[in-house]
Every structure is written in C-alpha cells, then in structure tokens.
Amino acid sequence: MKLSPRQQRWAARAVSWLVRLLGRTIRWRTQAPASARQLLAGDAPVILAFWHGRLLMIPIAYLRAGRSRVNVLISEHGDGELISRTIAHFGFGSVRGSSRRGALRAMRDLIRKVREGADFAFTPDGPQGPAQQVQAGVVDLAQRTGYPILPVTFSVRHGKQFASWDRFLLPRPFSRGVFAWGEPVWVGAEDDTEAVRAELEARMQGLTRAADQTTGRVP
C-alpha cells in the first residue's frame, strides 16, 4: 500500500517513537574491541556497515556510542522515503540511491558530504539482498575517502524474526540484548577491493553469529 506524503510523515513519527520506546525497554549491553571504541570516541568520520535485517535498533546503538552526525544511504524505491523520514526524527541525514539504482549520483553525494565531517551508514546487503552478502559500494566509498568501515549489529534473546528475504529481527519488549561492534576495516588505495569485500562479509557474518550466541538466540 502506497502512503500519501501526509501518511508517511505520521508513520515516520510513529515508527521513530516506537523504536525509541522499544529500545528503552531492552536490557542492553555493548561489546566493542578497543579499536572500535577508540574510533567511536574520536572525531574522525567512520563508515558504519550493518545488515538490512538488523537495522531497526542501530540508531539506538549509534546514539549510545556518543555519535550524532550520520548520513544513511537509502534506496530510491520501496520503503526508502519512509525510512528517510523516520531517521530524520533521530537527527540523521540521508542520501538516496543504491548499488542498483542511482549509484553514481549517491556516491557523488556521499563524497561531497565527506567535507562536512559526518559519518556514513550502509546496509551492504540492501535493498533486496542476497541477505548478509556485502555489495561493493561500501568498500568503494572507504577506498575513495580513506575512512574505516566499522561493522555493527544487534541481537536480542527474544524477538520475532520474519520470513522476509533479510530475516528482519523485531525485538520483544523487556528482552535482553547486545550491541556488537566489530574491528574496523581499512581499505588502501592499492588494495584488492574484492578481497576486502569478502573479508568484510566474513567479519560481519561472524559478528552477527557471535551476537546471537551472546544473547542465547537460536538463528
């Protein structure tokens, strides 16, 4: 069902409110290596990477880490407009595009925003999958900017995992949860981008499995 602009505004406000409320009911703990904590505590921009199916609580993880300026790459089709309006309620910016549509324009916009000193955020398996497989755009941006890719995910002990392509995870209120940050991935100018892409994919998959094990969640 396609929403009118007015309906999208109200829906975005409601979703952002529900995410904040849900996030407050969960007993979170944060796991992060020293390298990730150092980056998050600093002022230099980072490129966040998280799976599409684990995106719902990432705004809470990001704000809890003490960061506030981020631009999120959002698809030009489907529910992209609603997501863009929703994250605006968290104070986040957005750039429209994907690896399939608007990719060149989106990359230009992202690189332009580098000069503003903001972080970036990608769902490298979005907007349509395959699930938990990294597409090349995030690695390309890291190589062009010299900024590190910082994987992040969340897991909860109790929640609904939908039978969608991304296995979207909706936490249950008052559950036990974890925010897990991974080791940063740096991409040099001469690096083999396919090798980096495969390494990032393996790290993100492993980070998600470890987060699920921490909460006792059975995939």
C-alpha atoms as a PDB file:
ATOM      1  CA  MET A   1       0.000   0.000   0.000  1.00  0.00           C
ATOM      2  CA  LYS A   2       1.415   3.351  -1.069  1.00  0.00           C
ATOM      3  CA  LEU A   3       1.186   6.063   1.577  1.00  0.00           C
ATOM      4  CA  SER A   4       0.456   9.690   0.865  1.00  0.00           C
ATOM      5  CA  PRO A   5       3.072  12.257   1.961  1.00  0.00           C
ATOM      6  CA  ARG A   6       0.944  13.132   4.994  1.00  0.00           C
ATOM      7  CA  GLN A   7       0.573   9.470   5.937  1.00  0.00           C
ATOM      8  CA  GLN A   8       4.331   8.989   5.549  1.00  0.00           C
ATOM      9  CA  ARG A   9       5.014  11.881   7.914  1.00  0.00           C
ATOM     10  CA  TRP A  10       2.747  10.425  10.574  1.00  0.00           C
ATOM     11  CA  ALA A  11       4.044   6.891  10.038  1.00  0.00           C
ATOM     12  CA  ALA A  12       7.675   8.033  10.288  1.00  0.00           C
ATOM     13  CA  ARG A  13       6.970   9.854  13.532  1.00  0.00           C
ATOM     14  CA  ALA A  14       5.202   6.801  14.957  1.00  0.00           C
ATOM     15  CA  VAL A  15       7.979   4.394  13.935  1.00  0.00           C
ATOM     16  CA  SER A  16      10.721   6.593  15.403  1.00  0.00           C
ATOM     17  CA  TRP A  17       8.763   6.889  18.657  1.00  0.00           C
ATOM     18  CA  LEU A  18       8.225   3.127  18.817  1.00  0.00           C
ATOM     19  CA  VAL A  19      11.922   2.411  18.155  1.00  0.00           C
ATOM     20  CA  ARG A  20      12.956   4.741  20.965  1.00  0.00           C
ATOM     21  CA  LEU A  21      10.384   3.264  23.344  1.00  0.00           C
ATOM     22  CA  LEU A  22      11.297  -0.316  22.454  1.00  0.00           C
ATOM     23  CA  GLY A  23      14.989   0.467  22.843  1.00  0.00           C
ATOM     24  CA  ARG A  24      14.413   1.758  26.366  1.00  0.00           C
ATOM     25  CA  THR A  25      12.684  -1.419  27.493  1.00  0.00           C
ATOM     26  CA  ILE A  26      15.540  -3.734  26.476  1.00  0.00           C
ATOM     27  CA  ARG A  27      18.432  -4.501  28.820  1.00  0.00           C
ATOM     28  CA  TRP A  28      21.322  -3.661  26.509  1.00  0.00           C
ATOM     29  CA  ARG A  29      24.991  -4.399  26.862  1.00  0.00           C
ATOM     30  CA  THR A  30      27.651  -3.242  24.428  1.00  0.00           C
ATOM     31  CA  GLN A  31      30.560  -5.271  23.116  1.00  0.00           C
ATOM     32  CA  ALA A  32      33.319  -3.472  21.240  1.00  0.00           C
ATOM     33  CA  PRO A  33      37.045  -4.056  20.757  1.00  0.00           C
ATOM     34  CA  ALA A  34      39.457  -1.302  21.790  1.00  0.00           C
ATOM     35  CA  SER A  35      39.992  -0.267  18.152  1.00  0.00           C
ATOM     36  CA  ALA A  36      36.255   0.354  17.677  1.00  0.00           C
ATOM     37  CA  ARG A  37      35.932   2.212  20.975  1.00  0.00           C
ATOM     38  CA  GLN A  38      38.839   4.447  20.009  1.00  0.00           C
ATOM     39  CA  LEU A  39      37.224   5.358  16.689  1.00  0.00           C
ATOM     40  CA  LEU A  40      33.827   5.998  18.256  1.00  0.00           C
ATOM     41  CA  ALA A  41      35.367   8.218  20.928  1.00  0.00           C
ATOM     42  CA  GLY A  42      37.203  10.301  18.336  1.00  0.00           C
ATOM     43  CA  ASP A  43      36.082  12.985  15.918  1.00  0.00           C
ATOM     44  CA  ALA A  44      37.108  11.395  12.617  1.00  0.00           C
ATOM     45  CA  PRO A  45      34.285  10.101  10.395  1.00  0.00           C
ATOM     46  CA  VAL A  46      33.606   6.383  10.104  1.00  0.00           C
ATOM     47  CA  ILE A  47      31.536   4.279   7.716  1.00  0.00           C
ATOM     48  CA  LEU A  48      29.024   2.117   9.553  1.00  0.00           C
ATOM     49  CA  ALA A  49      28.056  -1.217   7.994  1.00  0.00           C
ATOM     50  CA  PHE A  50      25.159  -3.349   9.262  1.00  0.00           C
ATOM     51  CA  TRP A  51      22.865  -5.966   7.769  1.00  0.00           C
ATOM     52  CA  HIS A  52      19.438  -4.936   6.480  1.00  0.00           C
ATOM     53  CA  GLY A  53      17.757  -7.435   8.782  1.00  0.00           C
ATOM     54  CA  ARG A  54      19.417  -5.920  11.850  1.00  0.00           C
ATOM     55  CA  LEU A  55      18.876  -2.234  11.123  1.00  0.00           C
ATOM     56  CA  LEU A  56      15.968  -1.462  13.462  1.00  0.00           C
ATOM     57  CA  MET A  57      17.969  -0.824  16.634  1.00  0.00           C
ATOM     58  CA  ILE A  58      21.098   0.616  15.010  1.00  0.00           C
ATOM     59  CA  PRO A  59      20.001   4.249  15.675  1.00  0.00           C
ATOM     60  CA  ILE A  60      19.945   3.385  19.390  1.00  0.00           C
ATOM     61  CA  ALA A  61      23.385   1.746  19.188  1.00  0.00           C
ATOM     62  CA  TYR A  62      24.785   4.765  17.353  1.00  0.00           C
ATOM     63  CA  LEU A  63      23.425   7.333  19.803  1.00  0.00           C
ATOM     64  CA  ARG A  64      24.524   5.245  22.803  1.00  0.00           C
ATOM     65  CA  ALA A  65      28.039   5.257  21.337  1.00  0.00           C
ATOM     66  CA  GLY A  66      28.067   9.049  21.614  1.00  0.00           C
ATOM     67  CA  ARG A  67      27.825   9.773  17.878  1.00  0.00           C
ATOM     68  CA  SER A  68      25.206  12.033  16.326  1.00  0.00           C
ATOM     69  CA  ARG A  69      26.140  13.118  12.768  1.00  0.00           C
ATOM     70  CA  VAL A  70      25.479  10.471  10.161  1.00  0.00           C
ATOM     71  CA  ASN A  71      24.169  10.217   6.624  1.00  0.00           C
ATOM     72  CA  VAL A  72      22.461   6.957   5.707  1.00  0.00           C
ATOM     73  CA  LEU A  73      22.403   5.536   2.186  1.00  0.00           C
ATOM     74  CA  ILE A  74      18.757   4.686   1.474  1.00  0.00           C
ATOM     75  CA  SER A  75      17.178   3.019  -1.522  1.00  0.00           C
ATOM     76  CA  GLU A  76      15.272   5.111  -4.042  1.00  0.00           C
ATOM     77  CA  HIS A  77      12.430   2.630  -4.263  1.00  0.00           C
ATOM     78  CA  GLY A  78      10.098   0.703  -1.976  1.00  0.00           C
ATOM     79  CA  ASP A  79      10.047   1.963   1.603  1.00  0.00           C
ATOM     80  CA  GLY A  80      13.015   4.302   1.136  1.00  0.00           C
ATOM     81  CA  GLU A  81      11.048   7.514   1.658  1.00  0.00           C
ATOM     82  CA  LEU A  82       9.501   6.251   4.885  1.00  0.00           C
ATOM     83  CA  ILE A  83      12.907   5.184   6.211  1.00  0.00           C
ATOM     84  CA  SER A  84      14.393   8.560   5.261  1.00  0.00           C
ATOM     85  CA  ARG A  85      11.630  10.408   7.120  1.00  0.00           C
ATOM     86  CA  THR A  86      11.947   8.088  10.121  1.00  0.00           C
ATOM     87  CA  ILE A  87      15.692   8.536  10.644  1.00  0.00           C
ATOM     88  CA  ALA A  88      15.263  12.297  10.316  1.00  0.00           C
ATOM     89  CA  HIS A  89      13.487  12.137  13.691  1.00  0.00           C
ATOM     90  CA  PHE A  90      16.773  10.863  15.147  1.00  0.00           C
ATOM     91  CA  GLY A  91      18.640  13.806  13.610  1.00  0.00           C
ATOM     92  CA  PHE A  92      20.187  11.668  10.863  1.00  0.00           C
ATOM     93  CA  GLY A  93      20.621  12.719   7.245  1.00  0.00           C
ATOM     94  CA  SER A  94      20.090  10.529   4.200  1.00  0.00           C
ATOM     95  CA  VAL A  95      21.391  10.077   0.674  1.00  0.00           C
ATOM     96  CA  ARG A  96      19.108   8.366  -1.822  1.00  0.00           C
ATOM     97  CA  GLY A  97      20.493   5.625  -4.067  1.00  0.00           C
ATOM     98  CA  SER A  98      21.718   2.033  -4.032  1.00  0.00           C
ATOM     99  CA  SER A  99      24.030  -0.353  -5.798  1.00  0.00           C
ATOM    100  CA  ARG A 100      21.261  -0.924  -8.346  1.00  0.00           C
ATOM    101  CA  ARG A 101      19.662   2.488  -8.835  1.00  0.00           C
ATOM    102  CA  GLY A 102      21.148   5.952  -8.526  1.00  0.00           C
ATOM    103  CA  ALA A 103      24.519   4.515  -7.538  1.00  0.00           C
ATOM    104  CA  LEU A 104      26.735   7.090  -9.262  1.00  0.00           C
ATOM    105  CA  ARG A 105      24.745  10.071  -8.011  1.00  0.00           C
ATOM    106  CA  ALA A 106      24.613   8.618  -4.498  1.00  0.00           C
ATOM    107  CA  MET A 107      28.382   8.135  -4.460  1.00  0.00           C
ATOM    108  CA  ARG A 108      28.913  11.734  -5.563  1.00  0.00           C
ATOM    109  CA  ASP A 109      26.599  12.941  -2.813  1.00  0.00           C
ATOM    110  CA  LEU A 110      28.335  10.816  -0.192  1.00  0.00           C
ATOM    111  CA  ILE A 111      31.797  12.004  -1.178  1.00  0.00           C
ATOM    112  CA  ARG A 112      30.569  15.610  -1.137  1.00  0.00           C
ATOM    113  CA  LYS A 113      29.361  15.088   2.431  1.00  0.00           C
ATOM    114  CA  VAL A 114      32.845  13.887   3.408  1.00  0.00           C
ATOM    115  CA  ARG A 115      33.813  17.540   3.571  1.00  0.00           C
ATOM    116  CA  GLU A 116      31.135  18.061   6.207  1.00  0.00           C
ATOM    117  CA  GLY A 117      32.829  15.577   8.535  1.00  0.00           C
ATOM    118  CA  ALA A 118      29.772  13.349   9.050  1.00  0.00           C
ATOM    119  CA  ASP A 119      29.688   9.587   9.424  1.00  0.00           C
ATOM    120  CA  PHE A 120      28.106   7.355   6.782  1.00  0.00           C
ATOM    121  CA  ALA A 121      25.927   4.280   7.149  1.00  0.00           C
ATOM    122  CA  PHE A 122      25.295   1.401   4.747  1.00  0.00           C
ATOM    123  CA  THR A 123      23.267  -1.775   4.682  1.00  0.00           C
ATOM    124  CA  PRO A 124      25.654  -3.507   2.268  1.00  0.00           C
ATOM    125  CA  ASP A 125      23.180  -6.331   1.546  1.00  0.00           C
ATOM    126  CA  GLY A 126      20.285  -3.980   0.814  1.00  0.00           C
ATOM    127  CA  PRO A 127      17.867  -3.088  -0.503  1.00  0.00           C
ATOM    128  CA  GLN A 128      16.936  -6.508  -1.908  1.00  0.00           C
ATOM    129  CA  GLY A 129      19.714  -8.915  -0.956  1.00  0.00           C
ATOM    130  CA  PRO A 130      21.027 -11.507  -1.111  1.00  0.00           C
ATOM    131  CA  ALA A 131      20.926 -11.415   2.670  1.00  0.00           C
ATOM    132  CA  GLN A 132      24.225 -10.987   4.521  1.00  0.00           C
ATOM    133  CA  GLN A 133      26.234 -10.636   1.333  1.00  0.00           C
ATOM    134  CA  VAL A 134      28.283  -7.442   1.018  1.00  0.00           C
ATOM    135  CA  GLN A 135      27.908  -5.436  -2.174  1.00  0.00           C
ATOM    136  CA  ALA A 136      30.822  -3.373  -3.425  1.00  0.00           C
ATOM    137  CA  GLY A 137      29.567   0.163  -2.714  1.00  0.00           C
ATOM    138  CA  VAL A 138      30.700   0.385   0.911  1.00  0.00           C
ATOM    139  CA  VAL A 139      34.216  -0.806   0.029  1.00  0.00           C
ATOM    140  CA  ASP A 140      34.392   1.666  -2.862  1.00  0.00           C
ATOM    141  CA  LEU A 141      33.473   4.581  -0.584  1.00  0.00           C
ATOM    142  CA  ALA A 142      36.040   3.519   2.019  1.00  0.00           C
ATOM    143  CA  GLN A 143      38.753   3.346  -0.625  1.00  0.00           C
ATOM    144  CA  ARG A 144      37.835   6.748  -2.069  1.00  0.00           C
ATOM    145  CA  THR A 145      37.700   8.504   1.324  1.00  0.00           C
ATOM    146  CA  GLY A 146      40.268   6.620   3.396  1.00  0.00           C
ATOM    147  CA  TYR A 147      37.717   6.240   6.201  1.00  0.00           C
ATOM    148  CA  PRO A 148      37.428   2.946   8.082  1.00  0.00           C
ATOM    149  CA  ILE A 149      34.429   0.653   7.763  1.00  0.00           C
ATOM    150  CA  LEU A 150      33.044  -0.128  11.219  1.00  0.00           C
ATOM    151  CA  PRO A 151      30.719  -3.153  11.368  1.00  0.00           C
ATOM    152  CA  VAL A 152      27.905  -3.100  13.929  1.00  0.00           C
ATOM    153  CA  THR A 153      24.949  -5.331  14.709  1.00  0.00           C
ATOM    154  CA  PHE A 154      22.473  -6.134  17.453  1.00  0.00           C
ATOM    155  CA  SER A 155      20.806  -9.225  18.817  1.00  0.00           C
ATOM    156  CA  VAL A 156      18.145  -9.962  21.406  1.00  0.00           C
ATOM    157  CA  ARG A 157      17.266 -13.062  23.362  1.00  0.00           C
ATOM    158  CA  HIS A 158      13.586 -12.838  22.456  1.00  0.00           C
ATOM    159  CA  GLY A 159      12.155 -11.375  19.285  1.00  0.00           C
ATOM    160  CA  LYS A 160      10.287 -12.040  16.077  1.00  0.00           C
ATOM    161  CA  GLN A 161      12.395 -12.953  13.047  1.00  0.00           C
ATOM    162  CA  PHE A 162      10.290 -12.525   9.946  1.00  0.00           C
ATOM    163  CA  ALA A 163      10.315 -14.825   6.930  1.00  0.00           C
ATOM    164  CA  SER A 164      11.419 -11.945   4.689  1.00  0.00           C
ATOM    165  CA  TRP A 165      14.467 -12.045   2.429  1.00  0.00           C
ATOM    166  CA  ASP A 166      16.568 -10.289   5.094  1.00  0.00           C
ATOM    167  CA  ARG A 167      15.213 -12.255   8.104  1.00  0.00           C
ATOM    168  CA  PHE A 168      14.282  -8.934   9.740  1.00  0.00           C
ATOM    169  CA  LEU A 169      14.587  -9.056  13.529  1.00  0.00           C
ATOM    170  CA  LEU A 170      11.986  -7.289  15.694  1.00  0.00           C
ATOM    171  CA  PRO A 171      12.955  -7.345  19.389  1.00  0.00           C
ATOM    172  CA  ARG A 172      10.426  -8.261  22.036  1.00  0.00           C
ATOM    173  CA  PRO A 173       9.992  -5.600  24.766  1.00  0.00           C
ATOM    174  CA  PHE A 174      11.906  -6.190  28.007  1.00  0.00           C
ATOM    175  CA  SER A 175      14.202  -8.721  26.383  1.00  0.00           C
ATOM    176  CA  ARG A 176      17.963  -8.940  26.901  1.00  0.00           C
ATOM    177  CA  GLY A 177      20.041  -7.518  24.062  1.00  0.00           C
ATOM    178  CA  VAL A 178      23.535  -6.734  22.875  1.00  0.00           C
ATOM    179  CA  PHE A 179      25.056  -4.130  20.591  1.00  0.00           C
ATOM    180  CA  ALA A 180      28.163  -5.624  18.987  1.00  0.00           C
ATOM    181  CA  TRP A 181      30.786  -3.521  17.237  1.00  0.00           C
ATOM    182  CA  GLY A 182      33.459  -5.184  15.129  1.00  0.00           C
ATOM    183  CA  GLU A 183      37.072  -4.490  14.276  1.00  0.00           C
ATOM    184  CA  PRO A 184      37.401  -1.657  11.732  1.00  0.00           C
ATOM    185  CA  VAL A 185      38.286  -2.483   8.141  1.00  0.00           C
ATOM    186  CA  TRP A 186      40.600  -0.077   6.320  1.00  0.00           C
ATOM    187  CA  VAL A 187      40.825  -0.005   2.512  1.00  0.00           C
ATOM    188  CA  GLY A 188      44.048   1.255   0.982  1.00  0.00           C
ATOM    189  CA  ALA A 189      44.329   2.841  -2.443  1.00  0.00           C
ATOM    190  CA  GLU A 190      46.113  -0.214  -3.842  1.00  0.00           C
ATOM    191  CA  ASP A 191      44.100  -2.886  -2.026  1.00  0.00           C
ATOM    192  CA  ASP A 192      42.232  -5.611  -3.881  1.00  0.00           C
ATOM    193  CA  THR A 193      38.651  -4.437  -3.314  1.00  0.00           C
ATOM    194  CA  GLU A 194      37.159  -7.879  -3.946  1.00  0.00           C
ATOM    195  CA  ALA A 195      39.378  -9.379  -1.256  1.00  0.00           C
ATOM    196  CA  VAL A 196      38.374  -6.598   1.155  1.00  0.00           C
ATOM    197  CA  ARG A 197      34.716  -7.107   0.283  1.00  0.00           C
ATOM    198  CA  ALA A 198      34.967 -10.830   1.068  1.00  0.00           C
ATOM    199  CA  GLU A 199      36.817 -10.113   4.327  1.00  0.00           C
ATOM    200  CA  LEU A 200      34.194  -7.572   5.415  1.00  0.00           C
ATOM    201  CA  GLU A 201      31.395 -10.010   4.598  1.00  0.00           C
ATOM    202  CA  ALA A 202      33.002 -12.753   6.683  1.00  0.00           C
ATOM    203  CA  ARG A 203      33.589 -10.376   9.603  1.00  0.00           C
ATOM    204  CA  MET A 204      30.009  -9.115   9.579  1.00  0.00           C
ATOM    205  CA  GLN A 205      28.595 -12.627   9.397  1.00  0.00           C
ATOM    206  CA  GLY A 206      30.828 -13.704  12.264  1.00  0.00           C
ATOM    207  CA  LEU A 207      29.886 -10.637  14.309  1.00  0.00           C
ATOM    208  CA  THR A 208      26.187 -11.438  13.904  1.00  0.00           C
ATOM    209  CA  ARG A 209      26.683 -15.080  14.903  1.00  0.00           C
ATOM    210  CA  ALA A 210      28.664 -14.026  17.965  1.00  0.00           C
ATOM    211  CA  ALA A 211      25.987 -11.508  18.995  1.00  0.00           C
ATOM    212  CA  ASP A 212      23.307 -14.193  18.695  1.00  0.00           C
ATOM    213  CA  GLN A 213      25.411 -16.552  20.808  1.00  0.00           C
ATOM    214  CA  THR A 214      25.889 -13.853  23.435  1.00  0.00           C
ATOM    215  CA  THR A 215      22.143 -13.398  23.878  1.00  0.00           C
ATOM    216  CA  GLY A 216      21.394 -17.106  23.585  1.00  0.00           C
ATOM    217  CA  ARG A 217      19.413 -16.545  20.417  1.00  0.00           C
ATOM    218  CA  VAL A 218      18.999 -19.547  18.116  1.00  0.00           C
ATOM    219  CA  PRO A 219      19.219 -18.412  14.446  1.00  0.00           C
END
